[in-house]
Amino acid sequence: MRKGLDVLQLTDFNTATVHSDDWRALANCRGNTKLFFPPRAERPQARARREAQANRLCTDCVVHLTCQQFARGNHEYGFWASESEEERHLAGYTVAAPIGVRTRIAREAN
């Protein structure tokens, strides 16, 4: 167990308060932020590969649901809990300017 964390049952991780930062220390993605946030001018194929790698970490993460609720509730950018910004936007959650929507608008303008 990591130092400084309360003893919790595995089933309690996803029901923990999303405003607590303790869940982040338990996330599979810890230390792999490059997979979850796009570099500048990322090509679509590179994005698909990066998000596939990120998704593999998310799939069996014990805090998946808590992470998803946090991202949706806080209008986060990047790939969180197996969801891209565009996927959260399409699911009805507010994202200021999801990457996919911005890309589509830019294509339509040309």
PDB file of N, CA and C in Angstrom:
ATOM      1  N   MET A   1       0.840  -1.187   0.000  1.00  0.00           N
ATOM      2  CA  MET A   1       0.000   0.000   0.000  1.00  0.00           C
ATOM      3  C   MET A   1       0.882   1.247   0.000  1.00  0.00           C
ATOM      4  N   ARG A   2       0.463   2.255  -0.714  1.00  0.00           N
ATOM      5  CA  ARG A   2       1.230   3.497  -0.780  1.00  0.00           C
ATOM      6  C   ARG A   2       1.059   4.294   0.503  1.00  0.00           C
ATOM      7  N   LYS A   3       2.123   4.908   0.927  1.00  0.00           N
ATOM      8  CA  LYS A   3       2.138   5.692   2.157  1.00  0.00           C
ATOM      9  C   LYS A   3       1.182   6.884   2.034  1.00  0.00           C
ATOM     10  N   GLY A   4       0.432   7.158   3.105  1.00  0.00           N
ATOM     11  CA  GLY A   4      -0.432   8.325   3.139  1.00  0.00           C
ATOM     12  C   GLY A   4      -1.846   8.080   2.644  1.00  0.00           C
ATOM     13  N   LEU A   5      -2.161   6.868   2.197  1.00  0.00           N
ATOM     14  CA  LEU A   5      -3.506   6.587   1.718  1.00  0.00           C
ATOM     15  C   LEU A   5      -4.282   5.814   2.770  1.00  0.00           C
ATOM     16  N   ASP A   6      -5.548   6.096   2.866  1.00  0.00           N
ATOM     17  CA  ASP A   6      -6.402   5.341   3.776  1.00  0.00           C
ATOM     18  C   ASP A   6      -6.537   3.923   3.260  1.00  0.00           C
ATOM     19  N   VAL A   7      -6.778   2.998   4.171  1.00  0.00           N
ATOM     20  CA  VAL A   7      -7.018   1.628   3.765  1.00  0.00           C
ATOM     21  C   VAL A   7      -8.439   1.557   3.228  1.00  0.00           C
ATOM     22  N   LEU A   8      -8.584   1.181   1.963  1.00  0.00           N
ATOM     23  CA  LEU A   8      -9.886   1.096   1.313  1.00  0.00           C
ATOM     24  C   LEU A   8     -10.032  -0.270   0.668  1.00  0.00           C
ATOM     25  N   GLN A   9     -11.231  -0.757   0.614  1.00  0.00           N
ATOM     26  CA  GLN A   9     -11.519  -1.966  -0.152  1.00  0.00           C
ATOM     27  C   GLN A   9     -11.468  -1.597  -1.625  1.00  0.00           C
ATOM     28  N   LEU A  10     -11.101  -2.525  -2.486  1.00  0.00           N
ATOM     29  CA  LEU A  10     -11.063  -2.248  -3.924  1.00  0.00           C
ATOM     30  C   LEU A  10     -12.395  -1.738  -4.435  1.00  0.00           C
ATOM     31  N   THR A  11     -13.488  -2.231  -3.912  1.00  0.00           N
ATOM     32  CA  THR A  11     -14.804  -1.805  -4.381  1.00  0.00           C
ATOM     33  C   THR A  11     -15.107  -0.371  -3.983  1.00  0.00           C
ATOM     34  N   ASP A  12     -14.385   0.183  -3.028  1.00  0.00           N
ATOM     35  CA  ASP A  12     -14.631   1.547  -2.569  1.00  0.00           C
ATOM     36  C   ASP A  12     -13.928   2.600  -3.427  1.00  0.00           C
ATOM     37  N   PHE A  13     -12.929   2.214  -4.211  1.00  0.00           N
ATOM     38  CA  PHE A  13     -12.181   3.192  -4.991  1.00  0.00           C
ATOM     39  C   PHE A  13     -13.083   3.970  -5.932  1.00  0.00           C
ATOM     40  N   ASN A  14     -13.961   3.274  -6.630  1.00  0.00           N
ATOM     41  CA  ASN A  14     -14.806   3.929  -7.610  1.00  0.00           C
ATOM     42  C   ASN A  14     -15.991   4.654  -7.001  1.00  0.00           C
ATOM     43  N   THR A  15     -16.232   4.488  -5.716  1.00  0.00           N
ATOM     44  CA  THR A  15     -17.316   5.220  -5.074  1.00  0.00           C
ATOM     45  C   THR A  15     -16.778   6.353  -4.212  1.00  0.00           C
ATOM     46  N   ALA A  16     -15.461   6.526  -4.190  1.00  0.00           N
ATOM     47  CA  ALA A  16     -14.848   7.596  -3.403  1.00  0.00           C
ATOM     48  C   ALA A  16     -15.258   8.957  -3.964  1.00  0.00           C
ATOM     49  N   THR A  17     -15.202   9.953  -3.131  1.00  0.00           N
ATOM     50  CA  THR A  17     -15.523  11.306  -3.567  1.00  0.00           C
ATOM     51  C   THR A  17     -14.557  11.732  -4.654  1.00  0.00           C
ATOM     52  N   VAL A  18     -15.077  12.222  -5.774  1.00  0.00           N
ATOM     53  CA  VAL A  18     -14.218  12.560  -6.902  1.00  0.00           C
ATOM     54  C   VAL A  18     -13.381  13.803  -6.634  1.00  0.00           C
ATOM     55  N   HIS A  19     -13.691  14.563  -5.607  1.00  0.00           N
ATOM     56  CA  HIS A  19     -12.928  15.767  -5.310  1.00  0.00           C
ATOM     57  C   HIS A  19     -11.689  15.465  -4.461  1.00  0.00           C
ATOM     58  N   SER A  20     -11.589  14.255  -3.966  1.00  0.00           N
ATOM     59  CA  SER A  20     -10.417  13.853  -3.215  1.00  0.00           C
ATOM     60  C   SER A  20      -9.320  13.461  -4.198  1.00  0.00           C
ATOM     61  N   ASP A  21      -8.101  13.879  -3.937  1.00  0.00           N
ATOM     62  CA  ASP A  21      -6.993  13.550  -4.832  1.00  0.00           C
ATOM     63  C   ASP A  21      -6.368  12.193  -4.529  1.00  0.00           C
ATOM     64  N   ASP A  22      -6.808  11.509  -3.472  1.00  0.00           N
ATOM     65  CA  ASP A  22      -6.230  10.212  -3.123  1.00  0.00           C
ATOM     66  C   ASP A  22      -6.356   9.200  -4.248  1.00  0.00           C
ATOM     67  N   TRP A  23      -7.445   9.235  -4.997  1.00  0.00           N
ATOM     68  CA  TRP A  23      -7.659   8.257  -6.058  1.00  0.00           C
ATOM     69  C   TRP A  23      -6.593   8.346  -7.137  1.00  0.00           C
ATOM     70  N   ARG A  24      -6.040   9.516  -7.352  1.00  0.00           N
ATOM     71  CA  ARG A  24      -5.027   9.693  -8.409  1.00  0.00           C
ATOM     72  C   ARG A  24      -3.760   8.889  -8.121  1.00  0.00           C
ATOM     73  N   ALA A  25      -3.426   8.725  -6.867  1.00  0.00           N
ATOM     74  CA  ALA A  25      -2.232   7.954  -6.501  1.00  0.00           C
ATOM     75  C   ALA A  25      -2.417   6.471  -6.819  1.00  0.00           C
ATOM     76  N   LEU A  26      -3.655   6.030  -6.982  1.00  0.00           N
ATOM     77  CA  LEU A  26      -3.946   4.628  -7.264  1.00  0.00           C
ATOM     78  C   LEU A  26      -4.137   4.347  -8.747  1.00  0.00           C
ATOM     79  N   ALA A  27      -4.134   5.378  -9.560  1.00  0.00           N
ATOM     80  CA  ALA A  27      -4.420   5.235 -10.986  1.00  0.00           C
ATOM     81  C   ALA A  27      -3.264   4.567 -11.733  1.00  0.00           C
ATOM     82  N   ASN A  28      -3.598   3.729 -12.706  1.00  0.00           N
ATOM     83  CA  ASN A  28      -2.592   3.065 -13.536  1.00  0.00           C
ATOM     84  C   ASN A  28      -1.770   4.050 -14.360  1.00  0.00           C
ATOM     85  N   CYS A  29      -2.338   5.204 -14.655  1.00  0.00           N
ATOM     86  CA  CYS A  29      -1.677   6.179 -15.527  1.00  0.00           C
ATOM     87  C   CYS A  29      -0.636   7.027 -14.812  1.00  0.00           C
ATOM     88  N   ARG A  30      -0.538   6.904 -13.542  1.00  0.00           N
ATOM     89  CA  ARG A  30       0.382   7.730 -12.763  1.00  0.00           C
ATOM     90  C   ARG A  30       1.793   7.666 -13.355  1.00  0.00           C
ATOM     91  N   GLY A  31       2.314   8.838 -13.726  1.00  0.00           N
ATOM     92  CA  GLY A  31       3.652   8.920 -14.294  1.00  0.00           C
ATOM     93  C   GLY A  31       3.702   8.768 -15.807  1.00  0.00           C
ATOM     94  N   ASN A  32       2.551   8.583 -16.450  1.00  0.00           N
ATOM     95  CA  ASN A  32       2.492   8.399 -17.906  1.00  0.00           C
ATOM     96  C   ASN A  32       1.687   9.504 -18.575  1.00  0.00           C
ATOM     97  N   THR A  33       1.825  10.724 -18.138  1.00  0.00           N
ATOM     98  CA  THR A  33       0.971  11.805 -18.636  1.00  0.00           C
ATOM     99  C   THR A  33       1.113  12.056 -20.128  1.00  0.00           C
ATOM    100  N   LYS A  34       2.233  11.731 -20.727  1.00  0.00           N
ATOM    101  CA  LYS A  34       2.411  11.960 -22.166  1.00  0.00           C
ATOM    102  C   LYS A  34       1.416  11.161 -22.999  1.00  0.00           C
ATOM    103  N   LEU A  35       0.951  10.033 -22.473  1.00  0.00           N
ATOM    104  CA  LEU A  35      -0.037   9.229 -23.198  1.00  0.00           C
ATOM    105  C   LEU A  35      -1.427   9.855 -23.174  1.00  0.00           C
ATOM    106  N   PHE A  36      -1.689  10.698 -22.212  1.00  0.00           N
ATOM    107  CA  PHE A  36      -3.051  11.170 -21.980  1.00  0.00           C
ATOM    108  C   PHE A  36      -3.317  12.599 -22.452  1.00  0.00           C
ATOM    109  N   PHE A  37      -2.273  13.297 -22.836  1.00  0.00           N
ATOM    110  CA  PHE A  37      -2.424  14.671 -23.307  1.00  0.00           C
ATOM    111  C   PHE A  37      -1.665  14.836 -24.612  1.00  0.00           C
ATOM    112  N   PRO A  38      -2.326  15.340 -25.641  1.00  0.00           N
ATOM    113  CA  PRO A  38      -1.696  15.395 -26.961  1.00  0.00           C
ATOM    114  C   PRO A  38      -0.580  16.427 -27.056  1.00  0.00           C
ATOM    115  N   PRO A  39       0.477  16.076 -27.784  1.00  0.00           N
ATOM    116  CA  PRO A  39       1.498  17.088 -28.072  1.00  0.00           C
ATOM    117  C   PRO A  39       0.959  18.047 -29.128  1.00  0.00           C
ATOM    118  N   ARG A  40       1.588  19.148 -29.255  1.00  0.00           N
ATOM    119  CA  ARG A  40       1.168  20.155 -30.235  1.00  0.00           C
ATOM    120  C   ARG A  40       1.254  19.582 -31.656  1.00  0.00           C
ATOM    121  N   ALA A  41       0.263  19.858 -32.458  1.00  0.00           N
ATOM    122  CA  ALA A  41       0.204  19.455 -33.868  1.00  0.00           C
ATOM    123  C   ALA A  41       0.270  17.939 -34.053  1.00  0.00           C
ATOM    124  N   GLU A  42      -0.363  17.201 -33.175  1.00  0.00           N
ATOM    125  CA  GLU A  42      -0.376  15.742 -33.276  1.00  0.00           C
ATOM    126  C   GLU A  42      -1.215  15.304 -34.486  1.00  0.00           C
ATOM    127  N   ARG A  43      -0.682  14.396 -35.253  1.00  0.00           N
ATOM    128  CA  ARG A  43      -1.396  13.875 -36.423  1.00  0.00           C
ATOM    129  C   ARG A  43      -2.463  12.871 -35.967  1.00  0.00           C
ATOM    130  N   PRO A  44      -3.539  12.731 -36.732  1.00  0.00           N
ATOM    131  CA  PRO A  44      -4.626  11.820 -36.340  1.00  0.00           C
ATOM    132  C   PRO A  44      -4.179  10.378 -36.100  1.00  0.00           C
ATOM    133  N   GLN A  45      -3.254   9.868 -36.938  1.00  0.00           N
ATOM    134  CA  GLN A  45      -2.784   8.496 -36.755  1.00  0.00           C
ATOM    135  C   GLN A  45      -1.989   8.356 -35.455  1.00  0.00           C
ATOM    136  N   ALA A  46      -1.198   9.359 -35.152  1.00  0.00           N
ATOM    137  CA  ALA A  46      -0.417   9.342 -33.911  1.00  0.00           C
ATOM    138  C   ALA A  46      -1.345   9.436 -32.705  1.00  0.00           C
ATOM    139  N   ARG A  47      -2.380  10.236 -32.834  1.00  0.00           N
ATOM    140  CA  ARG A  47      -3.359  10.361 -31.751  1.00  0.00           C
ATOM    141  C   ARG A  47      -4.042   9.020 -31.507  1.00  0.00           C
ATOM    142  N   ALA A  48      -4.435   8.336 -32.563  1.00  0.00           N
ATOM    143  CA  ALA A  48      -5.096   7.036 -32.425  1.00  0.00           C
ATOM    144  C   ALA A  48      -4.179   6.039 -31.714  1.00  0.00           C
ATOM    145  N   ARG A  49      -2.895   6.018 -32.074  1.00  0.00           N
ATOM    146  CA  ARG A  49      -1.942   5.106 -31.415  1.00  0.00           C
ATOM    147  C   ARG A  49      -1.757   5.473 -29.947  1.00  0.00           C
ATOM    148  N   ARG A  50      -1.586   6.773 -29.667  1.00  0.00           N
ATOM    149  CA  ARG A  50      -1.378   7.231 -28.294  1.00  0.00           C
ATOM    150  C   ARG A  50      -2.592   6.892 -27.433  1.00  0.00           C
ATOM    151  N   GLU A  51      -3.798   7.162 -27.947  1.00  0.00           N
ATOM    152  CA  GLU A  51      -5.012   6.894 -27.171  1.00  0.00           C
ATOM    153  C   GLU A  51      -5.248   5.390 -26.990  1.00  0.00           C
ATOM    154  N   ALA A  52      -4.826   4.574 -27.940  1.00  0.00           N
ATOM    155  CA  ALA A  52      -4.939   3.119 -27.780  1.00  0.00           C
ATOM    156  C   ALA A  52      -4.045   2.640 -26.644  1.00  0.00           C
ATOM    157  N   GLN A  53      -2.839   3.193 -26.559  1.00  0.00           N
ATOM    158  CA  GLN A  53      -1.942   2.850 -25.446  1.00  0.00           C
ATOM    159  C   GLN A  53      -2.531   3.311 -24.119  1.00  0.00           C
ATOM    160  N   ALA A  54      -3.065   4.522 -24.103  1.00  0.00           N
ATOM    161  CA  ALA A  54      -3.672   5.054 -22.887  1.00  0.00           C
ATOM    162  C   ALA A  54      -4.864   4.196 -22.471  1.00  0.00           C
ATOM    163  N   ASN A  55      -5.659   3.797 -23.444  1.00  0.00           N
ATOM    164  CA  ASN A  55      -6.835   2.987 -23.163  1.00  0.00           C
ATOM    165  C   ASN A  55      -6.472   1.658 -22.507  1.00  0.00           C
ATOM    166  N   ARG A  56      -5.335   1.077 -22.917  1.00  0.00           N
ATOM    167  CA  ARG A  56      -4.899  -0.180 -22.304  1.00  0.00           C
ATOM    168  C   ARG A  56      -4.633   0.003 -20.812  1.00  0.00           C
ATOM    169  N   LEU A  57      -4.096   1.157 -20.422  1.00  0.00           N
ATOM    170  CA  LEU A  57      -3.876   1.429 -19.001  1.00  0.00           C
ATOM    171  C   LEU A  57      -5.199   1.648 -18.274  1.00  0.00           C
ATOM    172  N   CYS A  58      -6.143   2.303 -18.940  1.00  0.00           N
ATOM    173  CA  CYS A  58      -7.433   2.621 -18.323  1.00  0.00           C
ATOM    174  C   CYS A  58      -8.306   1.389 -18.113  1.00  0.00           C
ATOM    175  N   THR A  59      -8.198   0.432 -19.000  1.00  0.00           N
ATOM    176  CA  THR A  59      -9.117  -0.699 -19.028  1.00  0.00           C
ATOM    177  C   THR A  59      -9.218  -1.435 -17.698  1.00  0.00           C
ATOM    178  N   ASP A  60      -8.101  -1.710 -17.067  1.00  0.00           N
ATOM    179  CA  ASP A  60      -8.151  -2.461 -15.811  1.00  0.00           C
ATOM    180  C   ASP A  60      -7.787  -1.610 -14.589  1.00  0.00           C
ATOM    181  N   CYS A  61      -7.954  -0.305 -14.703  1.00  0.00           N
ATOM    182  CA  CYS A  61      -7.624   0.606 -13.602  1.00  0.00           C
ATOM    183  C   CYS A  61      -8.704   0.542 -12.519  1.00  0.00           C
ATOM    184  N   VAL A  62      -8.288   0.475 -11.269  1.00  0.00           N
ATOM    185  CA  VAL A  62      -9.244   0.350 -10.161  1.00  0.00           C
ATOM    186  C   VAL A  62     -10.021   1.637  -9.894  1.00  0.00           C
ATOM    187  N   VAL A  63      -9.551   2.754 -10.419  1.00  0.00           N
ATOM    188  CA  VAL A  63     -10.247   4.032 -10.198  1.00  0.00           C
ATOM    189  C   VAL A  63     -10.869   4.576 -11.488  1.00  0.00           C
ATOM    190  N   HIS A  64     -11.150   3.698 -12.414  1.00  0.00           N
ATOM    191  CA  HIS A  64     -11.675   4.083 -13.731  1.00  0.00           C
ATOM    192  C   HIS A  64     -12.927   4.950 -13.617  1.00  0.00           C
ATOM    193  N   LEU A  65     -13.913   4.515 -12.862  1.00  0.00           N
ATOM    194  CA  LEU A  65     -15.177   5.248 -12.752  1.00  0.00           C
ATOM    195  C   LEU A  65     -14.983   6.600 -12.066  1.00  0.00           C
ATOM    196  N   THR A  66     -14.177   6.641 -11.029  1.00  0.00           N
ATOM    197  CA  THR A  66     -13.901   7.896 -10.338  1.00  0.00           C
ATOM    198  C   THR A  66     -13.205   8.877 -11.270  1.00  0.00           C
ATOM    199  N   CYS A  67     -12.262   8.389 -12.046  1.00  0.00           N
ATOM    200  CA  CYS A  67     -11.542   9.209 -13.017  1.00  0.00           C
ATOM    201  C   CYS A  67     -12.510   9.753 -14.064  1.00  0.00           C
ATOM    202  N   GLN A  68     -13.382   8.908 -14.558  1.00  0.00           N
ATOM    203  CA  GLN A  68     -14.365   9.316 -15.560  1.00  0.00           C
ATOM    204  C   GLN A  68     -15.284  10.406 -15.011  1.00  0.00           C
ATOM    205  N   GLN A  69     -15.775  10.219 -13.793  1.00  0.00           N
ATOM    206  CA  GLN A  69     -16.649  11.216 -13.165  1.00  0.00           C
ATOM    207  C   GLN A  69     -15.910  12.534 -12.968  1.00  0.00           C
ATOM    208  N   PHE A  70     -14.644  12.452 -12.573  1.00  0.00           N
ATOM    209  CA  PHE A  70     -13.846  13.653 -12.373  1.00  0.00           C
ATOM    210  C   PHE A  70     -13.679  14.420 -13.675  1.00  0.00           C
ATOM    211  N   ALA A  71     -13.297  13.717 -14.736  1.00  0.00           N
ATOM    212  CA  ALA A  71     -13.075  14.361 -16.035  1.00  0.00           C
ATOM    213  C   ALA A  71     -14.356  14.988 -16.560  1.00  0.00           C
ATOM    214  N   ARG A  72     -15.449  14.265 -16.446  1.00  0.00           N
ATOM    215  CA  ARG A  72     -16.728  14.786 -16.930  1.00  0.00           C
ATOM    216  C   ARG A  72     -17.194  15.977 -16.103  1.00  0.00           C
ATOM    217  N   GLY A  73     -17.052  15.892 -14.809  1.00  0.00           N
ATOM    218  CA  GLY A  73     -17.518  16.946 -13.915  1.00  0.00           C
ATOM    219  C   GLY A  73     -16.672  18.199 -13.920  1.00  0.00           C
ATOM    220  N   ASN A  74     -15.406  18.052 -14.292  1.00  0.00           N
ATOM    221  CA  ASN A  74     -14.483  19.188 -14.259  1.00  0.00           C
ATOM    222  C   ASN A  74     -14.086  19.676 -15.638  1.00  0.00           C
ATOM    223  N   HIS A  75     -14.762  19.191 -16.675  1.00  0.00           N
ATOM    224  CA  HIS A  75     -14.547  19.650 -18.055  1.00  0.00           C
ATOM    225  C   HIS A  75     -13.077  19.526 -18.467  1.00  0.00           C
ATOM    226  N   GLU A  76     -12.491  18.387 -18.131  1.00  0.00           N
ATOM    227  CA  GLU A  76     -11.062  18.181 -18.358  1.00  0.00           C
ATOM    228  C   GLU A  76     -10.713  17.987 -19.831  1.00  0.00           C
ATOM    229  N   TYR A  77      -9.512  18.395 -20.175  1.00  0.00           N
ATOM    230  CA  TYR A  77      -8.938  18.147 -21.489  1.00  0.00           C
ATOM    231  C   TYR A  77      -8.122  16.868 -21.408  1.00  0.00           C
ATOM    232  N   GLY A  78      -7.869  16.264 -22.549  1.00  0.00           N
ATOM    233  CA  GLY A  78      -7.043  15.069 -22.592  1.00  0.00           C
ATOM    234  C   GLY A  78      -7.872  13.804 -22.551  1.00  0.00           C
ATOM    235  N   PHE A  79      -7.184  12.695 -22.453  1.00  0.00           N
ATOM    236  CA  PHE A  79      -7.786  11.365 -22.457  1.00  0.00           C
ATOM    237  C   PHE A  79      -7.899  10.904 -21.010  1.00  0.00           C
ATOM    238  N   TRP A  80      -9.108  10.729 -20.525  1.00  0.00           N
ATOM    239  CA  TRP A  80      -9.364  10.333 -19.140  1.00  0.00           C
ATOM    240  C   TRP A  80     -10.313   9.142 -19.144  1.00  0.00           C
ATOM    241  N   ALA A  81      -9.988   8.104 -18.400  1.00  0.00           N
ATOM    242  CA  ALA A  81     -10.886   6.960 -18.193  1.00  0.00           C
ATOM    243  C   ALA A  81     -11.426   6.411 -19.513  1.00  0.00           C
ATOM    244  N   SER A  82     -10.554   6.175 -20.439  1.00  0.00           N
ATOM    245  CA  SER A  82     -10.901   5.617 -21.750  1.00  0.00           C
ATOM    246  C   SER A  82     -11.772   6.531 -22.600  1.00  0.00           C
ATOM    247  N   GLU A  83     -11.799   7.816 -22.299  1.00  0.00           N
ATOM    248  CA  GLU A  83     -12.601   8.768 -23.070  1.00  0.00           C
ATOM    249  C   GLU A  83     -11.751   9.946 -23.519  1.00  0.00           C
ATOM    250  N   SER A  84     -11.901  10.293 -24.786  1.00  0.00           N
ATOM    251  CA  SER A  84     -11.263  11.504 -25.296  1.00  0.00           C
ATOM    252  C   SER A  84     -12.185  12.684 -25.014  1.00  0.00           C
ATOM    253  N   GLU A  85     -11.682  13.875 -25.254  1.00  0.00           N
ATOM    254  CA  GLU A  85     -12.507  15.085 -25.085  1.00  0.00           C
ATOM    255  C   GLU A  85     -13.742  15.021 -25.971  1.00  0.00           C
ATOM    256  N   GLU A  86     -13.545  14.587 -27.206  1.00  0.00           N
ATOM    257  CA  GLU A  86     -14.669  14.515 -28.140  1.00  0.00           C
ATOM    258  C   GLU A  86     -15.706  13.499 -27.664  1.00  0.00           C
ATOM    259  N   GLU A  87     -15.256  12.376 -27.151  1.00  0.00           N
ATOM    260  CA  GLU A  87     -16.199  11.361 -26.650  1.00  0.00           C
ATOM    261  C   GLU A  87     -17.007  11.888 -25.469  1.00  0.00           C
ATOM    262  N   ARG A  88     -16.356  12.641 -24.574  1.00  0.00           N
ATOM    263  CA  ARG A  88     -17.100  13.243 -23.457  1.00  0.00           C
ATOM    264  C   ARG A  88     -18.096  14.263 -23.989  1.00  0.00           C
ATOM    265  N   HIS A  89     -17.681  15.053 -24.957  1.00  0.00           N
ATOM    266  CA  HIS A  89     -18.557  16.051 -25.562  1.00  0.00           C
ATOM    267  C   HIS A  89     -19.770  15.376 -26.215  1.00  0.00           C
ATOM    268  N   LEU A  90     -19.534  14.316 -26.971  1.00  0.00           N
ATOM    269  CA  LEU A  90     -20.614  13.606 -27.644  1.00  0.00           C
ATOM    270  C   LEU A  90     -21.541  12.885 -26.660  1.00  0.00           C
ATOM    271  N   ALA A  91     -21.025  12.565 -25.471  1.00  0.00           N
ATOM    272  CA  ALA A  91     -21.844  11.939 -24.429  1.00  0.00           C
ATOM    273  C   ALA A  91     -22.678  12.966 -23.671  1.00  0.00           C
ATOM    274  N   GLY A  92     -22.531  14.245 -24.036  1.00  0.00           N
ATOM    275  CA  GLY A  92     -23.353  15.283 -23.431  1.00  0.00           C
ATOM    276  C   GLY A  92     -22.697  16.064 -22.316  1.00  0.00           C
ATOM    277  N   TYR A  93     -21.403  15.867 -22.112  1.00  0.00           N
ATOM    278  CA  TYR A  93     -20.696  16.599 -21.066  1.00  0.00           C
ATOM    279  C   TYR A  93     -20.011  17.810 -21.679  1.00  0.00           C
ATOM    280  N   THR A  94     -20.024  18.899 -20.967  1.00  0.00           N
ATOM    281  CA  THR A  94     -19.459  20.140 -21.468  1.00  0.00           C
ATOM    282  C   THR A  94     -17.943  20.079 -21.499  1.00  0.00           C
ATOM    283  N   VAL A  95     -17.397  20.327 -22.661  1.00  0.00           N
ATOM    284  CA  VAL A  95     -15.959  20.483 -22.848  1.00  0.00           C
ATOM    285  C   VAL A  95     -15.823  21.765 -23.645  1.00  0.00           C
ATOM    286  N   ALA A  96     -15.013  22.694 -23.167  1.00  0.00           N
ATOM    287  CA  ALA A  96     -14.932  24.018 -23.785  1.00  0.00           C
ATOM    288  C   ALA A  96     -14.676  23.949 -25.285  1.00  0.00           C
ATOM    289  N   ALA A  97     -13.714  23.181 -25.712  1.00  0.00           N
ATOM    290  CA  ALA A  97     -13.399  23.073 -27.141  1.00  0.00           C
ATOM    291  C   ALA A  97     -12.726  21.733 -27.394  1.00  0.00           C
ATOM    292  N   PRO A  98     -13.497  20.654 -27.500  1.00  0.00           N
ATOM    293  CA  PRO A  98     -12.872  19.344 -27.701  1.00  0.00           C
ATOM    294  C   PRO A  98     -12.043  19.293 -28.976  1.00  0.00           C
ATOM    295  N   ILE A  99     -10.948  18.580 -28.928  1.00  0.00           N
ATOM    296  CA  ILE A  99      -9.997  18.518 -30.032  1.00  0.00           C
ATOM    297  C   ILE A  99     -10.676  18.085 -31.325  1.00  0.00           C
ATOM    298  N   GLY A 100     -11.446  17.028 -31.305  1.00  0.00           N
ATOM    299  CA  GLY A 100     -12.092  16.540 -32.511  1.00  0.00           C
ATOM    300  C   GLY A 100     -13.045  17.555 -33.112  1.00  0.00           C
ATOM    301  N   VAL A 101     -13.781  18.268 -32.269  1.00  0.00           N
ATOM    302  CA  VAL A 101     -14.708  19.293 -32.751  1.00  0.00           C
ATOM    303  C   VAL A 101     -13.922  20.442 -33.362  1.00  0.00           C
ATOM    304  N   ARG A 102     -12.834  20.862 -32.708  1.00  0.00           N
ATOM    305  CA  ARG A 102     -12.000  21.939 -33.252  1.00  0.00           C
ATOM    306  C   ARG A 102     -11.430  21.534 -34.605  1.00  0.00           C
ATOM    307  N   THR A 103     -10.982  20.279 -34.731  1.00  0.00           N
ATOM    308  CA  THR A 103     -10.423  19.788 -35.980  1.00  0.00           C
ATOM    309  C   THR A 103     -11.472  19.794 -37.077  1.00  0.00           C
ATOM    310  N   ARG A 104     -12.663  19.315 -36.767  1.00  0.00           N
ATOM    311  CA  ARG A 104     -13.739  19.264 -37.747  1.00  0.00           C
ATOM    312  C   ARG A 104     -14.106  20.660 -38.215  1.00  0.00           C
ATOM    313  N   ILE A 105     -14.181  21.610 -37.313  1.00  0.00           N
ATOM    314  CA  ILE A 105     -14.508  23.003 -37.660  1.00  0.00           C
ATOM    315  C   ILE A 105     -13.427  23.586 -38.561  1.00  0.00           C
ATOM    316  N   ALA A 106     -12.157  23.285 -38.253  1.00  0.00           N
ATOM    317  CA  ALA A 106     -11.049  23.787 -39.071  1.00  0.00           C
ATOM    318  C   ALA A 106     -11.108  23.208 -40.481  1.00  0.00           C
ATOM    319  N   ARG A 107     -11.443  21.903 -40.589  1.00  0.00           N
ATOM    320  CA  ARG A 107     -11.564  21.279 -41.908  1.00  0.00           C
ATOM    321  C   ARG A 107     -12.689  21.899 -42.721  1.00  0.00           C
ATOM    322  N   GLU A 108     -13.817  22.163 -42.071  1.00  0.00           N
ATOM    323  CA  GLU A 108     -14.977  22.748 -42.754  1.00  0.00           C
ATOM    324  C   GLU A 108     -14.701  24.178 -43.210  1.00  0.00           C
ATOM    325  N   ALA A 109     -13.833  24.884 -42.506  1.00  0.00           N
ATOM    326  CA  ALA A 109     -13.510  26.264 -42.851  1.00  0.00           C
ATOM    327  C   ALA A 109     -12.634  26.339 -44.112  1.00  0.00           C
ATOM    328  N   ASN A 110     -11.908  25.264 -44.397  1.00  0.00           N
ATOM    329  CA  ASN A 110     -10.990  25.264 -45.563  1.00  0.00           C
ATOM    330  C   ASN A 110     -11.685  24.864 -46.805  1.00  0.00           C
TER     331      ASN A 110
END
